Amino acid sequence: MIKMDDVIREGHPTLRKKAEQVNFPPSKEEEETLRQMLEFLIHSQDEELAEKYGLRPGVGLAAPQINCSKRMIAVRTTDEKGNLIEYALFNPKIRSHSKETTFLEDGEGCLSVDRAVKGIVHRYARITVTGRTLEGEDVKLRLRGFPAIVFQHEIDHLDGIMFYDRIESDDPYKEPLPPQAVVHPNSTDTP
C-alpha cells in the first residue's frame, strides 16, 4: 500500500526527469505499481482510511511522485455532472487540445508539494488523451474542465514539469487572454 511517506517531495531529482515509456506488455511490477497508485487515490478520498493512514486527499498521482520514473498515471475525480472519472494509464499522451484555456480559481496543489503556491496555472480547457489501461485496453478520452486540468497536471509530472513552472513569475495572477474558463473544483481536491 502506498502511503504519504512513499510520495517524494519537491527538490527530489526524480520529479525533474523525463519518465521512461512503459514497454508492452508491462511487467508484473509495473502493473502492481499502477494498481497501487489508483488504490492510493481511492483510500485518500475515503475520510476514514485517509485519517487511519495519514493520507492527504488526492485526485491524481504520477509514478515519478513515488520515485518510479515510468510513464504511468492514476486519476480519480468527477466531472461537472458528478460522473466518476477513474483511470490508471500506461503511457498517457495528450493528442490534441483546445485553444481555450482555463485555470483553477484557487490555484493548484500537489501531493509532492507541502506548501501553498499562489498563482494562476494556465491549462487547456479541453484535451484528448490516449493511453493503455491495466486491462490492456487502448483508450481515447475527451476531457474538459477539472478532469482535463488533473490529467494535464499528472502528465506534466511525466515530463519533469511541476505545476508552479506554469505560473508566470513576473505576474503570478496574470489571467490568460480570452477565451478562458475559470474552474471551481471541490476545494479539498489536490491534483
N, C-alpha and C. Protein backbone atom coordinates (compact mmCIF):
# COMPACT_ATOMS: atom_id res chain seq x y z
N MET A 1 0.84 -1.19 0.00
CA MET A 1 0.00 0.00 0.00
C MET A 1 0.88 1.25 0.00
N ILE A 2 0.57 2.18 -0.90
CA ILE A 2 1.30 3.44 -0.97
C ILE A 2 0.79 4.37 0.12
N LYS A 3 1.73 4.98 0.84
CA LYS A 3 1.38 5.95 1.89
C LYS A 3 2.10 7.26 1.59
N MET A 4 1.82 8.28 2.38
CA MET A 4 2.42 9.60 2.14
C MET A 4 3.94 9.55 2.22
N ASP A 5 4.50 8.67 3.04
CA ASP A 5 5.96 8.55 3.13
C ASP A 5 6.57 8.06 1.82
N ASP A 6 5.76 7.42 0.98
CA ASP A 6 6.25 6.93 -0.31
C ASP A 6 6.24 8.03 -1.38
N VAL A 7 5.55 9.13 -1.11
CA VAL A 7 5.46 10.23 -2.07
C VAL A 7 6.65 11.16 -1.87
N ILE A 8 7.47 11.28 -2.92
CA ILE A 8 8.65 12.15 -2.81
C ILE A 8 8.23 13.60 -2.93
N ARG A 9 9.04 14.50 -2.37
CA ARG A 9 8.68 15.91 -2.33
C ARG A 9 9.56 16.73 -3.27
N GLU A 10 9.08 17.94 -3.55
CA GLU A 10 9.81 18.83 -4.47
C GLU A 10 11.26 18.93 -4.02
N GLY A 11 12.12 19.03 -5.00
CA GLY A 11 13.56 19.03 -4.74
C GLY A 11 14.18 17.68 -5.04
N HIS A 12 13.38 16.61 -5.02
CA HIS A 12 13.90 15.28 -5.35
C HIS A 12 14.16 15.23 -6.86
N PRO A 13 15.34 14.73 -7.28
CA PRO A 13 15.69 14.76 -8.71
C PRO A 13 14.74 13.99 -9.63
N THR A 14 14.09 12.94 -9.14
CA THR A 14 13.18 12.16 -9.99
C THR A 14 12.03 13.02 -10.51
N LEU A 15 11.61 14.01 -9.72
CA LEU A 15 10.49 14.86 -10.14
C LEU A 15 10.85 15.76 -11.32
N ARG A 16 12.13 15.88 -11.63
CA ARG A 16 12.56 16.74 -12.75
C ARG A 16 13.06 15.94 -13.95
N LYS A 17 12.96 14.63 -13.89
CA LYS A 17 13.40 13.78 -15.00
C LYS A 17 12.23 13.47 -15.93
N LYS A 18 12.54 13.27 -17.20
CA LYS A 18 11.53 12.80 -18.15
C LYS A 18 11.39 11.29 -17.94
N ALA A 19 10.19 10.85 -17.64
CA ALA A 19 9.94 9.43 -17.33
C ALA A 19 10.04 8.58 -18.59
N GLU A 20 10.40 7.32 -18.38
CA GLU A 20 10.56 6.36 -19.49
C GLU A 20 9.22 5.76 -19.90
N GLN A 21 9.10 5.47 -21.20
CA GLN A 21 7.92 4.77 -21.72
C GLN A 21 7.85 3.39 -21.07
N VAL A 22 6.64 2.89 -20.91
CA VAL A 22 6.44 1.52 -20.45
C VAL A 22 6.34 0.63 -21.68
N ASN A 23 7.15 -0.41 -21.72
CA ASN A 23 7.09 -1.36 -22.84
C ASN A 23 5.93 -2.33 -22.61
N PHE A 24 5.34 -2.78 -23.72
CA PHE A 24 4.21 -3.72 -23.60
C PHE A 24 4.64 -5.10 -24.02
N PRO A 25 4.17 -6.13 -23.31
CA PRO A 25 3.32 -5.98 -22.14
C PRO A 25 4.12 -5.46 -20.94
N PRO A 26 3.44 -4.70 -20.05
CA PRO A 26 4.13 -4.21 -18.88
C PRO A 26 4.53 -5.36 -17.95
N SER A 27 5.55 -5.11 -17.14
CA SER A 27 5.97 -6.14 -16.18
C SER A 27 4.93 -6.24 -15.08
N LYS A 28 4.98 -7.32 -14.35
CA LYS A 28 4.07 -7.51 -13.20
C LYS A 28 4.29 -6.40 -12.18
N GLU A 29 5.56 -6.00 -12.01
CA GLU A 29 5.88 -4.93 -11.06
C GLU A 29 5.25 -3.61 -11.50
N GLU A 30 5.33 -3.30 -12.80
CA GLU A 30 4.72 -2.06 -13.30
C GLU A 30 3.20 -2.10 -13.13
N GLU A 31 2.59 -3.23 -13.44
CA GLU A 31 1.13 -3.36 -13.25
C GLU A 31 0.75 -3.16 -11.79
N GLU A 32 1.50 -3.78 -10.89
CA GLU A 32 1.20 -3.67 -9.47
C GLU A 32 1.39 -2.25 -8.97
N THR A 33 2.44 -1.57 -9.43
CA THR A 33 2.68 -0.18 -9.04
C THR A 33 1.51 0.70 -9.47
N LEU A 34 1.07 0.54 -10.72
CA LEU A 34 -0.04 1.35 -11.23
C LEU A 34 -1.34 1.05 -10.47
N ARG A 35 -1.56 -0.21 -10.17
CA ARG A 35 -2.75 -0.61 -9.40
C ARG A 35 -2.72 0.05 -8.01
N GLN A 36 -1.56 0.04 -7.38
CA GLN A 36 -1.43 0.64 -6.05
C GLN A 36 -1.58 2.17 -6.10
N MET A 37 -1.18 2.78 -7.20
CA MET A 37 -1.36 4.23 -7.35
C MET A 37 -2.83 4.58 -7.34
N LEU A 38 -3.63 3.81 -8.07
CA LEU A 38 -5.08 4.06 -8.08
C LEU A 38 -5.68 3.77 -6.71
N GLU A 39 -5.24 2.71 -6.06
CA GLU A 39 -5.73 2.39 -4.72
C GLU A 39 -5.40 3.51 -3.73
N PHE A 40 -4.22 4.13 -3.88
CA PHE A 40 -3.87 5.26 -3.02
C PHE A 40 -4.92 6.36 -3.14
N LEU A 41 -5.31 6.69 -4.38
CA LEU A 41 -6.30 7.75 -4.58
C LEU A 41 -7.64 7.37 -3.96
N ILE A 42 -8.05 6.12 -4.14
CA ILE A 42 -9.31 5.65 -3.56
C ILE A 42 -9.25 5.77 -2.04
N HIS A 43 -8.16 5.31 -1.43
CA HIS A 43 -8.01 5.39 0.03
C HIS A 43 -7.94 6.84 0.50
N SER A 44 -7.25 7.69 -0.26
CA SER A 44 -7.09 9.09 0.16
C SER A 44 -8.41 9.86 0.13
N GLN A 45 -9.36 9.38 -0.67
CA GLN A 45 -10.66 10.05 -0.78
C GLN A 45 -11.69 9.48 0.19
N ASP A 46 -11.32 8.44 0.91
CA ASP A 46 -12.18 7.85 1.94
C ASP A 46 -11.74 8.45 3.28
N GLU A 47 -12.59 9.28 3.87
CA GLU A 47 -12.20 10.02 5.08
C GLU A 47 -11.66 9.11 6.18
N GLU A 48 -12.30 7.98 6.39
CA GLU A 48 -11.88 7.07 7.46
C GLU A 48 -10.50 6.48 7.17
N LEU A 49 -10.30 5.99 5.95
CA LEU A 49 -9.00 5.41 5.59
C LEU A 49 -7.91 6.48 5.53
N ALA A 50 -8.26 7.66 5.02
CA ALA A 50 -7.27 8.75 4.94
C ALA A 50 -6.78 9.12 6.33
N GLU A 51 -7.70 9.19 7.27
CA GLU A 51 -7.31 9.53 8.64
C GLU A 51 -6.49 8.40 9.27
N LYS A 52 -6.92 7.16 9.06
CA LYS A 52 -6.24 6.00 9.63
C LYS A 52 -4.78 5.91 9.16
N TYR A 53 -4.55 6.18 7.84
CA TYR A 53 -3.21 6.04 7.28
C TYR A 53 -2.48 7.36 7.06
N GLY A 54 -3.09 8.46 7.48
CA GLY A 54 -2.45 9.77 7.35
C GLY A 54 -2.25 10.21 5.91
N LEU A 55 -3.26 9.98 5.08
CA LEU A 55 -3.16 10.31 3.66
C LEU A 55 -3.77 11.69 3.36
N ARG A 56 -3.09 12.45 2.53
CA ARG A 56 -3.67 13.70 2.02
C ARG A 56 -4.60 13.35 0.87
N PRO A 57 -5.78 13.95 0.80
CA PRO A 57 -6.69 13.64 -0.31
C PRO A 57 -6.06 14.06 -1.64
N GLY A 58 -6.18 13.17 -2.62
CA GLY A 58 -5.64 13.46 -3.94
C GLY A 58 -6.59 12.99 -5.02
N VAL A 59 -6.50 13.62 -6.19
CA VAL A 59 -7.30 13.22 -7.34
C VAL A 59 -6.42 12.68 -8.46
N GLY A 60 -5.10 12.80 -8.30
CA GLY A 60 -4.19 12.28 -9.32
C GLY A 60 -2.84 11.96 -8.71
N LEU A 61 -2.17 10.99 -9.33
CA LEU A 61 -0.83 10.60 -8.88
C LEU A 61 -0.06 10.09 -10.11
N ALA A 62 1.15 10.58 -10.26
CA ALA A 62 2.03 10.13 -11.34
C ALA A 62 3.16 9.29 -10.74
N ALA A 63 3.60 8.28 -11.49
CA ALA A 63 4.63 7.38 -10.98
C ALA A 63 5.90 8.10 -10.50
N PRO A 64 6.36 9.16 -11.18
CA PRO A 64 7.55 9.83 -10.65
C PRO A 64 7.36 10.34 -9.22
N GLN A 65 6.13 10.59 -8.81
CA GLN A 65 5.89 11.08 -7.45
C GLN A 65 6.16 10.02 -6.39
N ILE A 66 6.23 8.76 -6.82
CA ILE A 66 6.61 7.70 -5.87
C ILE A 66 7.98 7.14 -6.25
N ASN A 67 8.79 8.02 -6.88
CA ASN A 67 10.17 7.72 -7.25
C ASN A 67 10.28 6.55 -8.24
N CYS A 68 9.32 6.47 -9.15
CA CYS A 68 9.31 5.47 -10.21
C CYS A 68 9.24 6.24 -11.53
N SER A 69 10.35 6.35 -12.22
CA SER A 69 10.42 7.19 -13.42
C SER A 69 9.88 6.46 -14.65
N LYS A 70 8.60 6.12 -14.59
CA LYS A 70 7.90 5.45 -15.69
C LYS A 70 6.66 6.28 -16.05
N ARG A 71 6.23 6.18 -17.31
CA ARG A 71 5.09 6.97 -17.78
C ARG A 71 3.79 6.26 -17.39
N MET A 72 3.40 6.49 -16.13
CA MET A 72 2.17 5.90 -15.58
C MET A 72 1.50 6.95 -14.71
N ILE A 73 0.16 7.06 -14.85
CA ILE A 73 -0.61 7.97 -14.00
C ILE A 73 -1.89 7.29 -13.54
N ALA A 74 -2.40 7.77 -12.42
CA ALA A 74 -3.72 7.37 -11.93
C ALA A 74 -4.50 8.65 -11.65
N VAL A 75 -5.77 8.64 -12.05
CA VAL A 75 -6.65 9.79 -11.82
C VAL A 75 -7.98 9.27 -11.31
N ARG A 76 -8.51 9.94 -10.28
CA ARG A 76 -9.83 9.59 -9.76
C ARG A 76 -10.51 10.88 -9.31
N THR A 77 -11.47 11.32 -10.11
CA THR A 77 -12.19 12.56 -9.81
C THR A 77 -13.58 12.46 -10.43
N THR A 78 -14.32 13.54 -10.43
CA THR A 78 -15.63 13.57 -11.06
C THR A 78 -15.69 14.72 -12.06
N ASP A 79 -16.59 14.58 -13.03
CA ASP A 79 -16.79 15.67 -13.98
C ASP A 79 -17.86 16.62 -13.44
N GLU A 80 -18.22 17.62 -14.25
CA GLU A 80 -19.18 18.64 -13.79
C GLU A 80 -20.56 18.07 -13.51
N LYS A 81 -20.85 16.87 -14.02
CA LYS A 81 -22.15 16.23 -13.78
C LYS A 81 -22.09 15.24 -12.62
N GLY A 82 -20.92 15.11 -11.99
CA GLY A 82 -20.77 14.19 -10.88
C GLY A 82 -20.42 12.77 -11.28
N ASN A 83 -20.14 12.54 -12.56
CA ASN A 83 -19.76 11.21 -13.04
C ASN A 83 -18.31 10.91 -12.65
N LEU A 84 -18.08 9.70 -12.17
CA LEU A 84 -16.73 9.30 -11.77
C LEU A 84 -15.83 9.14 -12.99
N ILE A 85 -14.66 9.77 -12.91
CA ILE A 85 -13.61 9.62 -13.93
C ILE A 85 -12.47 8.92 -13.20
N GLU A 86 -12.26 7.64 -13.49
CA GLU A 86 -11.25 6.86 -12.79
C GLU A 86 -10.44 6.06 -13.80
N TYR A 87 -9.15 6.39 -13.90
CA TYR A 87 -8.27 5.72 -14.84
C TYR A 87 -6.89 5.52 -14.24
N ALA A 88 -6.31 4.37 -14.57
CA ALA A 88 -4.90 4.10 -14.32
C ALA A 88 -4.33 3.80 -15.70
N LEU A 89 -3.41 4.66 -16.17
CA LEU A 89 -2.95 4.56 -17.55
C LEU A 89 -1.44 4.42 -17.69
N PHE A 90 -1.06 3.56 -18.63
CA PHE A 90 0.32 3.46 -19.07
C PHE A 90 0.49 4.40 -20.27
N ASN A 91 1.61 5.10 -20.32
CA ASN A 91 1.98 5.95 -21.45
C ASN A 91 0.89 6.91 -21.91
N PRO A 92 0.29 7.66 -20.97
CA PRO A 92 -0.73 8.62 -21.39
C PRO A 92 -0.10 9.74 -22.22
N LYS A 93 -0.85 10.23 -23.17
CA LYS A 93 -0.34 11.29 -24.03
C LYS A 93 -1.48 12.21 -24.42
N ILE A 94 -1.22 13.52 -24.37
CA ILE A 94 -2.20 14.49 -24.85
C ILE A 94 -2.07 14.54 -26.36
N ARG A 95 -3.14 14.17 -27.06
CA ARG A 95 -3.13 14.10 -28.52
C ARG A 95 -3.60 15.40 -29.16
N SER A 96 -4.52 16.10 -28.49
CA SER A 96 -4.99 17.38 -29.01
C SER A 96 -5.52 18.20 -27.84
N HIS A 97 -5.66 19.51 -28.08
CA HIS A 97 -6.16 20.39 -27.03
C HIS A 97 -6.86 21.58 -27.66
N SER A 98 -7.69 22.23 -26.86
CA SER A 98 -8.42 23.41 -27.31
C SER A 98 -7.51 24.62 -27.34
N LYS A 99 -7.95 25.64 -28.05
CA LYS A 99 -7.27 26.93 -27.96
C LYS A 99 -7.68 27.62 -26.67
N GLU A 100 -8.89 27.34 -26.23
CA GLU A 100 -9.41 27.93 -25.00
C GLU A 100 -8.60 27.44 -23.81
N THR A 101 -8.29 28.35 -22.91
CA THR A 101 -7.53 27.98 -21.71
C THR A 101 -8.41 28.11 -20.48
N THR A 102 -7.91 27.59 -19.40
CA THR A 102 -8.66 27.60 -18.14
C THR A 102 -7.66 27.60 -16.99
N PHE A 103 -8.18 27.77 -15.79
CA PHE A 103 -7.35 27.68 -14.59
C PHE A 103 -8.26 27.45 -13.40
N LEU A 104 -7.68 26.94 -12.33
CA LEU A 104 -8.42 26.75 -11.09
C LEU A 104 -8.39 28.07 -10.32
N GLU A 105 -9.55 28.51 -9.92
CA GLU A 105 -9.68 29.79 -9.24
C GLU A 105 -8.80 29.87 -7.99
N ASP A 106 -8.73 28.77 -7.25
CA ASP A 106 -7.95 28.75 -6.00
C ASP A 106 -6.53 28.23 -6.21
N GLY A 107 -6.11 28.05 -7.45
CA GLY A 107 -4.77 27.54 -7.72
C GLY A 107 -4.71 26.02 -7.61
N GLU A 108 -3.57 25.47 -7.96
CA GLU A 108 -3.37 24.03 -7.90
C GLU A 108 -2.52 23.65 -6.68
N GLY A 109 -2.66 22.41 -6.29
CA GLY A 109 -1.84 21.85 -5.24
C GLY A 109 -1.25 20.55 -5.76
N CYS A 110 -0.41 19.93 -4.96
CA CYS A 110 0.26 18.71 -5.40
C CYS A 110 0.68 17.91 -4.18
N LEU A 111 0.53 16.60 -4.28
CA LEU A 111 0.93 15.73 -3.17
C LEU A 111 2.43 15.79 -2.91
N SER A 112 3.21 16.23 -3.90
CA SER A 112 4.66 16.34 -3.75
C SER A 112 5.10 17.73 -3.29
N VAL A 113 4.15 18.61 -3.06
CA VAL A 113 4.47 19.98 -2.64
C VAL A 113 3.76 20.25 -1.31
N ASP A 114 4.54 20.49 -0.27
CA ASP A 114 3.98 20.67 1.07
C ASP A 114 3.76 22.13 1.44
N ARG A 115 3.68 22.99 0.45
CA ARG A 115 3.48 24.40 0.73
C ARG A 115 2.43 24.94 -0.24
N ALA A 116 1.82 26.03 0.15
CA ALA A 116 0.86 26.69 -0.74
C ALA A 116 1.65 27.50 -1.76
N VAL A 117 1.27 27.36 -3.02
CA VAL A 117 1.90 28.13 -4.09
C VAL A 117 0.80 28.95 -4.75
N LYS A 118 0.89 30.25 -4.62
CA LYS A 118 -0.15 31.12 -5.16
C LYS A 118 0.14 31.49 -6.60
N GLY A 119 -0.93 31.59 -7.38
CA GLY A 119 -0.79 31.99 -8.76
C GLY A 119 -1.69 31.19 -9.68
N ILE A 120 -1.84 31.68 -10.90
CA ILE A 120 -2.69 31.04 -11.90
C ILE A 120 -1.85 30.08 -12.73
N VAL A 121 -2.31 28.83 -12.77
CA VAL A 121 -1.66 27.80 -13.57
C VAL A 121 -2.47 27.66 -14.86
N HIS A 122 -1.88 28.07 -15.95
CA HIS A 122 -2.57 28.06 -17.24
C HIS A 122 -2.67 26.64 -17.77
N ARG A 123 -3.90 26.24 -18.13
CA ARG A 123 -4.16 24.89 -18.67
C ARG A 123 -5.09 25.00 -19.88
N TYR A 124 -5.13 23.95 -20.70
CA TYR A 124 -6.10 23.88 -21.79
C TYR A 124 -7.45 23.51 -21.21
N ALA A 125 -8.52 24.10 -21.75
CA ALA A 125 -9.87 23.82 -21.25
C ALA A 125 -10.35 22.43 -21.65
N ARG A 126 -9.93 21.95 -22.83
CA ARG A 126 -10.33 20.63 -23.32
C ARG A 126 -9.11 19.93 -23.91
N ILE A 127 -9.02 18.65 -23.63
CA ILE A 127 -7.92 17.85 -24.16
C ILE A 127 -8.43 16.48 -24.58
N THR A 128 -7.67 15.84 -25.46
CA THR A 128 -7.90 14.43 -25.81
C THR A 128 -6.64 13.68 -25.40
N VAL A 129 -6.83 12.64 -24.59
CA VAL A 129 -5.72 11.85 -24.04
C VAL A 129 -5.87 10.41 -24.50
N THR A 130 -4.74 9.80 -24.88
CA THR A 130 -4.74 8.37 -25.16
C THR A 130 -3.82 7.69 -24.15
N GLY A 131 -4.04 6.41 -23.95
CA GLY A 131 -3.22 5.61 -23.05
C GLY A 131 -3.73 4.18 -23.03
N ARG A 132 -3.07 3.34 -22.26
CA ARG A 132 -3.49 1.94 -22.14
C ARG A 132 -3.79 1.64 -20.67
N THR A 133 -4.92 0.97 -20.45
CA THR A 133 -5.37 0.65 -19.09
C THR A 133 -4.65 -0.58 -18.54
N LEU A 134 -4.87 -0.84 -17.27
CA LEU A 134 -4.33 -2.05 -16.63
C LEU A 134 -4.85 -3.32 -17.30
N GLU A 135 -6.05 -3.21 -17.87
CA GLU A 135 -6.67 -4.36 -18.53
C GLU A 135 -6.15 -4.53 -19.96
N GLY A 136 -5.24 -3.66 -20.40
CA GLY A 136 -4.67 -3.76 -21.74
C GLY A 136 -5.50 -3.09 -22.81
N GLU A 137 -6.49 -2.30 -22.42
CA GLU A 137 -7.36 -1.62 -23.38
C GLU A 137 -6.77 -0.26 -23.74
N ASP A 138 -6.70 0.02 -25.05
CA ASP A 138 -6.29 1.35 -25.51
C ASP A 138 -7.50 2.27 -25.42
N VAL A 139 -7.33 3.41 -24.76
CA VAL A 139 -8.44 4.34 -24.58
C VAL A 139 -8.10 5.70 -25.19
N LYS A 140 -9.15 6.40 -25.58
CA LYS A 140 -9.05 7.77 -26.07
C LYS A 140 -10.10 8.56 -25.29
N LEU A 141 -9.64 9.48 -24.45
CA LEU A 141 -10.52 10.22 -23.55
C LEU A 141 -10.63 11.67 -23.98
N ARG A 142 -11.85 12.15 -24.06
CA ARG A 142 -12.08 13.57 -24.32
C ARG A 142 -12.48 14.19 -22.98
N LEU A 143 -11.67 15.12 -22.51
CA LEU A 143 -11.84 15.66 -21.17
C LEU A 143 -11.99 17.18 -21.22
N ARG A 144 -12.73 17.71 -20.24
CA ARG A 144 -12.91 19.16 -20.14
C ARG A 144 -12.95 19.55 -18.67
N GLY A 145 -12.76 20.82 -18.41
CA GLY A 145 -12.88 21.32 -17.05
C GLY A 145 -11.87 20.70 -16.09
N PHE A 146 -12.34 20.42 -14.87
CA PHE A 146 -11.46 19.92 -13.82
C PHE A 146 -10.74 18.62 -14.20
N PRO A 147 -11.43 17.60 -14.76
CA PRO A 147 -10.69 16.38 -15.15
C PRO A 147 -9.57 16.67 -16.15
N ALA A 148 -9.79 17.60 -17.09
CA ALA A 148 -8.74 17.95 -18.05
C ALA A 148 -7.54 18.56 -17.34
N ILE A 149 -7.80 19.39 -16.35
CA ILE A 149 -6.72 20.01 -15.57
C ILE A 149 -5.93 18.94 -14.82
N VAL A 150 -6.63 17.99 -14.20
CA VAL A 150 -5.96 16.93 -13.43
C VAL A 150 -5.06 16.10 -14.35
N PHE A 151 -5.58 15.70 -15.52
CA PHE A 151 -4.76 14.91 -16.44
C PHE A 151 -3.53 15.69 -16.90
N GLN A 152 -3.69 16.99 -17.20
CA GLN A 152 -2.54 17.79 -17.61
C GLN A 152 -1.50 17.88 -16.50
N HIS A 153 -1.97 18.06 -15.25
CA HIS A 153 -1.07 18.14 -14.10
C HIS A 153 -0.25 16.85 -13.99
N GLU A 154 -0.92 15.70 -14.09
CA GLU A 154 -0.22 14.41 -13.93
C GLU A 154 0.70 14.11 -15.10
N ILE A 155 0.27 14.42 -16.32
CA ILE A 155 1.13 14.17 -17.49
C ILE A 155 2.35 15.09 -17.45
N ASP A 156 2.18 16.32 -16.93
CA ASP A 156 3.34 17.19 -16.72
C ASP A 156 4.40 16.51 -15.86
N HIS A 157 3.97 15.82 -14.81
CA HIS A 157 4.93 15.12 -13.93
C HIS A 157 5.79 14.14 -14.73
N LEU A 158 5.23 13.54 -15.77
CA LEU A 158 5.98 12.56 -16.57
C LEU A 158 7.08 13.23 -17.39
N ASP A 159 6.97 14.54 -17.56
CA ASP A 159 7.97 15.30 -18.31
C ASP A 159 8.83 16.18 -17.40
N GLY A 160 8.76 15.94 -16.09
CA GLY A 160 9.59 16.68 -15.14
C GLY A 160 9.11 18.10 -14.90
N ILE A 161 7.83 18.36 -15.17
CA ILE A 161 7.27 19.70 -15.01
C ILE A 161 6.40 19.74 -13.75
N MET A 162 6.68 20.72 -12.88
CA MET A 162 5.87 20.94 -11.69
C MET A 162 4.82 22.00 -12.02
N PHE A 163 3.68 21.95 -11.35
CA PHE A 163 2.59 22.88 -11.69
C PHE A 163 3.02 24.33 -11.58
N TYR A 164 3.88 24.65 -10.63
CA TYR A 164 4.26 26.05 -10.44
C TYR A 164 5.20 26.55 -11.54
N ASP A 165 5.73 25.64 -12.35
CA ASP A 165 6.53 26.06 -13.51
C ASP A 165 5.65 26.80 -14.51
N ARG A 166 4.34 26.57 -14.46
CA ARG A 166 3.40 27.18 -15.39
C ARG A 166 2.82 28.51 -14.88
N ILE A 167 3.26 28.94 -13.71
CA ILE A 167 2.83 30.23 -13.17
C ILE A 167 3.82 31.28 -13.64
N GLU A 168 3.31 32.37 -14.20
CA GLU A 168 4.19 33.43 -14.69
C GLU A 168 4.90 34.09 -13.51
N SER A 169 6.21 34.04 -13.50
CA SER A 169 6.97 34.56 -12.35
C SER A 169 6.84 36.08 -12.21
N ASP A 170 6.76 36.79 -13.33
CA ASP A 170 6.64 38.25 -13.26
C ASP A 170 5.27 38.71 -12.78
N ASP A 171 4.24 37.92 -13.07
CA ASP A 171 2.87 38.28 -12.71
C ASP A 171 2.08 37.01 -12.42
N PRO A 172 2.21 36.46 -11.18
CA PRO A 172 1.59 35.17 -10.86
C PRO A 172 0.08 35.12 -11.05
N TYR A 173 -0.58 36.26 -11.03
CA TYR A 173 -2.04 36.26 -11.17
C TYR A 173 -2.49 36.75 -12.54
N LYS A 174 -1.57 36.74 -13.49
CA LYS A 174 -1.92 37.15 -14.84
C LYS A 174 -2.84 36.11 -15.45
N GLU A 175 -4.05 36.55 -15.77
CA GLU A 175 -5.02 35.64 -16.35
C GLU A 175 -4.72 35.45 -17.83
N PRO A 176 -5.04 34.26 -18.34
CA PRO A 176 -4.82 34.04 -19.76
C PRO A 176 -5.73 34.96 -20.58
N LEU A 177 -5.29 35.25 -21.79
CA LEU A 177 -6.11 36.06 -22.68
C LEU A 177 -7.38 35.29 -23.05
N PRO A 178 -8.51 35.99 -23.24
CA PRO A 178 -9.75 35.28 -23.64
C PRO A 178 -9.50 34.52 -24.94
N PRO A 179 -10.21 33.44 -25.25
CA PRO A 179 -11.26 32.91 -24.39
C PRO A 179 -10.69 32.09 -23.25
N GLN A 180 -11.36 32.12 -22.11
CA GLN A 180 -10.90 31.39 -20.95
C GLN A 180 -12.09 30.93 -20.13
N ALA A 181 -11.84 30.00 -19.25
CA ALA A 181 -12.85 29.50 -18.34
C ALA A 181 -12.20 29.36 -16.97
N VAL A 182 -12.96 29.66 -15.94
CA VAL A 182 -12.48 29.50 -14.57
C VAL A 182 -13.18 28.29 -13.99
N VAL A 183 -12.42 27.37 -13.43
CA VAL A 183 -12.98 26.15 -12.88
C VAL A 183 -13.01 26.27 -11.36
N HIS A 184 -14.15 25.91 -10.78
CA HIS A 184 -14.33 25.95 -9.33
C HIS A 184 -14.50 24.52 -8.82
N PRO A 185 -13.39 23.80 -8.56
CA PRO A 185 -13.49 22.42 -8.10
C PRO A 185 -13.81 22.35 -6.61
N ASN A 186 -14.03 21.13 -6.17
CA ASN A 186 -14.16 20.90 -4.74
C ASN A 186 -12.83 21.28 -4.12
N SER A 187 -12.84 22.19 -3.16
CA SER A 187 -11.59 22.75 -2.62
C SER A 187 -10.73 21.73 -1.90
N THR A 188 -11.24 20.54 -1.59
CA THR A 188 -10.42 19.53 -0.91
C THR A 188 -9.62 18.69 -1.88
N ASP A 189 -9.88 18.85 -3.19
CA ASP A 189 -9.19 18.02 -4.17
C ASP A 189 -7.79 18.55 -4.43
N THR A 190 -6.82 17.68 -4.45
CA THR A 190 -5.44 18.03 -4.77
C THR A 190 -4.99 17.18 -5.95
N PRO A 191 -4.71 17.81 -7.12
CA PRO A 191 -4.20 17.01 -8.24
C PRO A 191 -2.88 16.36 -7.89
